[in-house]
Protein backbone atom coordinates (compact mmCIF):
# COMPACT_ATOMS: atom_id res chain seq x y z
CA HIS A 1 -4.91 26.94 -37.14
CA ARG A 2 -5.78 27.95 -33.60
CA LEU A 3 -3.49 27.05 -30.72
CA GLY A 4 -4.60 28.52 -27.41
CA ASP A 5 -4.94 32.26 -27.91
CA ILE A 6 -2.82 32.24 -31.08
CA VAL A 7 -4.31 32.04 -34.57
CA PHE A 8 -2.08 31.06 -37.50
CA VAL A 9 -3.13 32.26 -40.96
CA GLU A 10 -1.22 30.69 -43.84
CA PHE A 11 -1.15 31.83 -47.46
CA ILE A 12 -0.38 28.81 -49.63
CA PRO A 13 0.83 29.36 -53.23
CA ALA A 14 -1.87 28.34 -55.71
CA PRO A 15 -0.39 28.05 -59.23
CA PRO A 16 -2.77 28.54 -62.18
CA MET A 17 -4.50 25.28 -63.08
CA GLN A 18 -5.78 24.33 -66.52
CA GLU A 19 -9.54 24.33 -66.82
CA GLY A 20 -10.95 20.96 -65.88
CA LEU A 21 -7.65 19.62 -64.48
CA LEU A 22 -8.83 19.56 -60.88
CA ARG A 23 -12.04 17.84 -61.93
CA ASP A 24 -10.00 15.20 -63.79
CA GLN A 25 -7.75 14.74 -60.76
CA MET A 26 -10.78 14.30 -58.51
CA ARG A 27 -12.22 11.67 -60.85
CA MET A 28 -8.91 9.84 -61.10
CA THR A 29 -8.56 9.82 -57.31
CA GLN A 30 -12.09 8.51 -56.86
CA ARG A 31 -11.46 5.71 -59.35
CA ALA A 32 -8.24 4.80 -57.55
CA CYS A 33 -10.00 4.78 -54.17
CA ASN A 34 -12.64 2.43 -55.60
CA LYS A 35 -9.92 0.14 -56.99
CA ILE A 36 -8.18 0.10 -53.60
CA ALA A 37 -11.45 -0.88 -51.88
CA ARG A 38 -12.08 -3.70 -54.37
CA ALA A 39 -8.47 -4.97 -54.54
CA GLU A 40 -8.01 -8.72 -54.00
CA SER A 41 -5.33 -8.11 -51.35
CA PHE A 42 -3.76 -5.32 -49.38
CA GLY A 43 -0.51 -5.82 -51.31
CA THR A 44 -2.37 -5.10 -54.55
CA ALA A 45 -3.99 -2.07 -52.92
CA THR A 46 -0.61 -0.62 -51.94
CA GLN A 47 0.58 -0.76 -55.55
CA ILE A 48 -2.62 0.90 -56.78
CA ALA A 49 -2.10 3.65 -54.19
CA ALA A 50 1.55 4.22 -55.16
CA ASP A 51 0.71 4.42 -58.88
CA ALA A 52 -2.24 6.74 -58.28
CA MET A 53 -0.21 8.99 -55.98
CA ARG A 54 2.50 9.45 -58.60
CA LYS A 55 -0.07 10.22 -61.29
CA LEU A 56 -1.88 12.68 -59.01
CA THR A 57 1.17 14.55 -57.72
CA GLY A 58 3.43 14.31 -60.76
CA LEU A 59 6.35 13.53 -58.45
CA ALA A 60 9.14 11.24 -59.59
CA LYS A 61 8.68 8.39 -57.11
CA CYS A 62 5.94 7.41 -54.68
CA MET A 63 6.34 4.64 -52.10
CA VAL A 64 4.28 2.91 -49.45
CA TYR A 65 6.43 2.60 -46.34
CA GLN A 66 5.51 0.27 -43.45
CA PHE A 67 6.88 0.61 -39.93
CA MET A 68 8.15 -2.50 -38.17
CA PRO A 69 7.55 -3.18 -34.41
CA ALA A 70 10.76 -1.34 -33.34
CA TRP A 71 10.08 1.54 -35.80
CA SER A 72 12.45 0.46 -38.53
CA GLY A 73 10.70 0.55 -41.89
CA ARG A 74 10.36 -1.22 -45.22
CA VAL A 75 9.22 -0.06 -48.65
CA ILE A 76 6.40 -2.46 -49.57
CA ALA A 77 5.27 -0.80 -52.83
CA GLU A 78 6.63 1.88 -55.13
CA SER A 79 5.92 3.67 -58.39
CA PRO A 80 9.15 5.24 -59.71
CA ALA A 81 9.94 7.17 -62.88
CA ASP A 82 12.44 5.35 -65.10
CA HIS A 83 15.39 7.47 -63.95
CA MET A 84 14.71 7.00 -60.22
CA PRO A 85 16.43 4.21 -58.21
CA SER A 86 14.26 1.46 -56.76
CA TYR A 87 13.88 1.11 -52.97
CA LEU A 88 11.34 -1.71 -53.12
CA ASN A 89 11.75 -4.19 -50.23
CA LEU A 90 14.64 -2.18 -48.74
CA PHE A 91 14.72 -1.78 -44.95
CA PHE A 92 15.60 1.48 -43.17
CA PRO A 93 16.62 1.97 -39.51
CA ALA A 94 14.31 3.57 -36.97
CA HIS A 95 16.34 6.79 -36.85
CA ASP A 96 15.68 7.29 -40.58
CA ILE A 97 12.34 8.77 -39.49
CA PRO A 98 12.97 9.89 -35.87
CA ALA A 99 10.41 9.72 -33.08
CA GLN A 100 9.56 13.44 -33.18
CA ALA A 101 8.82 13.25 -36.91
CA ARG A 102 6.65 10.16 -36.42
CA HIS A 103 4.74 11.97 -33.69
CA LEU A 104 4.02 14.87 -36.06
CA TYR A 105 2.57 12.49 -38.66
CA SER A 106 0.12 11.25 -36.03
CA LEU A 107 -1.12 14.86 -35.64
CA VAL A 108 -0.81 16.35 -39.13
CA ALA A 109 -2.07 14.39 -42.14
CA SER A 110 0.58 15.38 -44.68
CA ARG A 111 3.93 17.14 -44.96
CA SER A 112 5.50 18.85 -47.95
CA VAL A 113 9.11 19.97 -48.42
CA SER A 114 9.07 22.21 -51.49
CA THR A 115 12.84 22.66 -51.66
CA VAL A 116 15.91 21.31 -49.89
CA ASP A 117 17.55 24.75 -50.00
CA ASP A 118 17.73 25.97 -46.41
CA ASN A 119 16.59 29.50 -47.26
CA ASN A 120 13.92 29.80 -44.59
CA SER A 121 12.11 32.96 -43.56
CA ARG A 122 12.67 34.25 -40.04
CA ILE A 123 9.78 34.24 -37.59
CA LEU A 124 9.00 37.61 -36.06
CA VAL A 125 7.63 37.05 -32.57
CA ALA A 126 5.58 39.59 -30.62
CA PRO A 127 7.26 40.80 -27.41
CA LYS A 128 4.86 38.93 -25.11
CA MET A 129 5.32 35.61 -26.94
CA GLU A 130 8.27 33.58 -25.71
CA GLN A 131 7.86 30.73 -28.20
CA ILE A 132 5.54 29.51 -30.94
CA ASP A 133 4.32 25.96 -31.47
CA LEU A 134 4.52 25.28 -35.23
CA THR A 135 3.11 21.76 -35.11
CA TYR A 136 0.19 22.42 -37.46
CA PRO A 137 1.23 25.09 -40.02
CA MET A 138 1.92 23.63 -43.48
CA LEU A 139 4.66 26.14 -44.27
CA ARG A 140 6.82 25.17 -41.29
CA SER A 141 10.43 24.44 -42.26
CA VAL A 142 12.22 21.18 -41.53
CA SER A 143 15.50 20.33 -39.86
CA PRO A 144 18.69 21.13 -41.84
CA MET A 145 19.71 17.52 -41.17
CA HIS A 146 16.58 16.40 -43.04
CA THR A 147 17.28 18.58 -46.08
CA ALA A 148 20.96 17.52 -46.07
CA TYR A 149 19.80 13.89 -46.08
CA PHE A 150 17.65 14.59 -49.14
CA ARG A 151 20.46 16.40 -50.94
CA ASN A 152 22.73 13.40 -50.35
CA MET A 153 20.07 11.28 -52.07
CA GLY A 154 19.93 13.64 -55.05
CA LEU A 155 16.44 14.87 -54.17
CA GLN A 156 15.04 18.40 -54.32
CA SER A 157 11.59 18.09 -52.76
CA SER A 158 9.27 15.59 -51.09
CA PHE A 159 5.71 14.96 -49.97
CA SER A 160 4.47 12.46 -47.37
CA VAL A 161 1.14 11.34 -45.96
CA GLY A 162 0.83 9.44 -42.70
CA LEU A 163 -1.10 6.17 -42.51
CA LEU A 164 -2.81 5.80 -39.13
CA LEU A 165 -4.39 2.51 -38.08
CA ASN A 166 -6.39 2.68 -34.83
CA ASP A 167 -4.79 6.09 -34.07
CA ARG A 168 -1.28 4.63 -34.35
CA LEU A 169 1.15 5.44 -37.15
CA TRP A 170 1.26 2.26 -39.23
CA GLY A 171 3.24 3.66 -42.16
CA MET A 172 3.47 6.44 -44.71
CA ILE A 173 3.08 7.19 -48.37
CA VAL A 174 6.36 8.92 -49.25
CA CYS A 175 6.97 10.81 -52.50
CA HIS A 176 10.38 12.00 -53.75
CA HIS A 177 11.13 14.44 -56.55
CA ASP A 178 14.30 15.55 -58.28
CA HIS A 179 13.12 19.16 -58.78
CA PRO A 180 11.78 21.75 -56.33
CA GLY A 181 8.01 21.92 -56.15
CA PHE A 182 5.11 22.72 -53.84
CA LEU A 183 1.89 20.77 -54.25
CA PRO A 184 -1.33 22.81 -54.51
CA ILE A 185 -3.61 22.46 -51.50
CA ASP A 186 -6.30 20.69 -53.56
CA VAL A 187 -3.81 18.03 -54.66
CA ARG A 188 -2.69 17.53 -51.06
CA ARG A 189 -6.29 16.94 -49.98
CA LEU A 190 -6.81 14.38 -52.76
CA ALA A 191 -3.57 12.66 -51.74
CA GLU A 192 -4.92 12.42 -48.19
CA ASP A 193 -8.08 10.82 -49.62
CA LEU A 194 -5.93 8.14 -51.29
CA ALA A 195 -4.16 7.47 -48.01
CA ALA A 196 -7.51 7.20 -46.20
CA ALA A 197 -8.74 4.65 -48.75
CA LEU A 198 -5.58 2.58 -48.30
CA ILE A 199 -5.80 2.54 -44.51
CA ALA A 200 -9.53 1.64 -44.75
CA LYS A 201 -8.53 -1.37 -46.86
CA LEU A 202 -5.93 -2.36 -44.26
CA SER A 203 -8.46 -1.96 -41.44
CA GLN A 204 -10.90 -4.17 -43.35
CA GLU A 205 -8.29 -6.91 -43.71
CA HIS A 206 -7.49 -6.72 -39.99
CA HIS A 207 -11.16 -7.19 -39.12
CA LEU A 208 -11.47 -10.16 -41.49
CA ALA A 209 -8.31 -11.84 -40.15
């Protein structure tokens, strides 16, 4: 990432992948994107997206979350493992995802929290640099309030993809997991493809309305 005169170079963990697994994931994602495009309704498309996201990521629960006009939100589709509680049709207040977090999702496609343990690495800043803007780096930590919130829910990691309609944050695909875990970069990109297919379906319905 380049920000002004500063260049950020990130080294993302890449766990060994079984031969052919990425190819299978790419094919599964493409099939899901085609199903989303051909779905009879947007509601059906959201369920296809949630199911495909859970299969792709291997995370315990994946949800499609829609923002309301005053930024409260509702879970409109979910794909949970048997041991995970259901949030389907539950409403959440606007401060559940605060304004600064929503703004980040309008700039950065996805966000991963690999562990809720607040064991973050210190940033070593050069003498001439007063502050660093960490908007775009993937390995940026999150607020301790955010990780405490997850711990209170019994979660250990998460992954989210923003859904932008006409450059405005319409909603998110939110994934929760009960074990620590960092998604490989290739999986993150495929997850972003799923989100793009879902928002294309929504845009199509808006144009037909």
